Amino acid sequence: MAGPADQRRRTIDIAATAEPPSSLWTDLSYNRAHEHVVPWPRPFDGEIALMLRFSVFGVPVGLHWTFALIGIIAIRQNPIELVVAFVVGVFIAILAHELGHALTARAFGARPVKITLMGLGGLTQYPVTPQLTPGRQFLIAASGSAVGMTLGGAVFLVRNTEFARDLFDYGYMIGVGIVIAGLVWGALNWLPILPLDGGNMVWHALEIVTPRHALRIAKVLTVICAGAVVYLAINLWDNTFGAVFVAIIALQGLQIRDPNAVQPRPKPSPADESSLLSIFDDEQRET
């Protein structure tokens, strides 16, 4: 029969092999932040929150119901067939973008990796481990837009060829969706604004040089760049929606917590104190 010491040892062994809690998960948009700040319901919180789940190259993918917002925004006066074709193109481009992140992270040893596609974007999640150095995290952040822009650029070059037009009736609108979501958004995603890929690239590049001040400098650059984009969107492009969108993104990026900061040790609760005292009682019984 196992004694109290053996039971405590077994409990420690189980805790050491247990799966890390969800708070250790990270995503590319909020890389290495211990708290998620997303404008949509949290991914993989339940089956009801997702319209579809599937796997690509061994990476689980969840399609969130908010992805349908892309079609609602695009419908306006357009025929429903063209809207569906456009959404299919956007879906292909965003999935390719997130697979760029996911497959690169997996190549560097991150396990497990998962993707969620949702309204106006996607999310790649993976656990942060010591082997994911700042240089590797820079490559993970850069790989998404690199894949998306490569795909979007290739479609842009062939979109007006006879071959592309003869594929099928709505192939052109699928190509438009791929170009906009892959090439255009991929380029904008490299702006040095947290939590965009460009902001994460700046953050991890700075970590190589100055780990303690990297996030603080990246946040300063986020404020400067986002402020410039908001000013241009309002005064030059007359795009209030774009200005608000960029401002919201920047505010989310400023909420990222520095994983290198020293966290204060939490005070033990009465239940913790009683459990600690019970350990001494067990040791006295053993003796």
Foldseek 3Di string as FASTA:
>chain_A
DDAPVVVVVVVVVCVVPDDDDPLQKAKLQQGRFSDDDDPDPDPPPDPVQFPDWDDDPRAIETEGPQLCVQLVVPVVPNDSVLSVLLSLLLVVLQVQLLVQLLVLVVVLPWPDWYKYHHHPHIIIMTGDDPSCALVSSLSSLLRSLVRLQVQLVVLVVCLPPPVQVPPDPNSNSSNVNSNCNRNVVSVVLLQLAGSRSVVSNQLSVVCVVPVVCSLVVSLVSNVVRLVVVLCCCVPPVVHNVVNVVSVVRRVSRVPGDRPPDDDDDDDDDPVRVVVVVVVVVSVVVVD
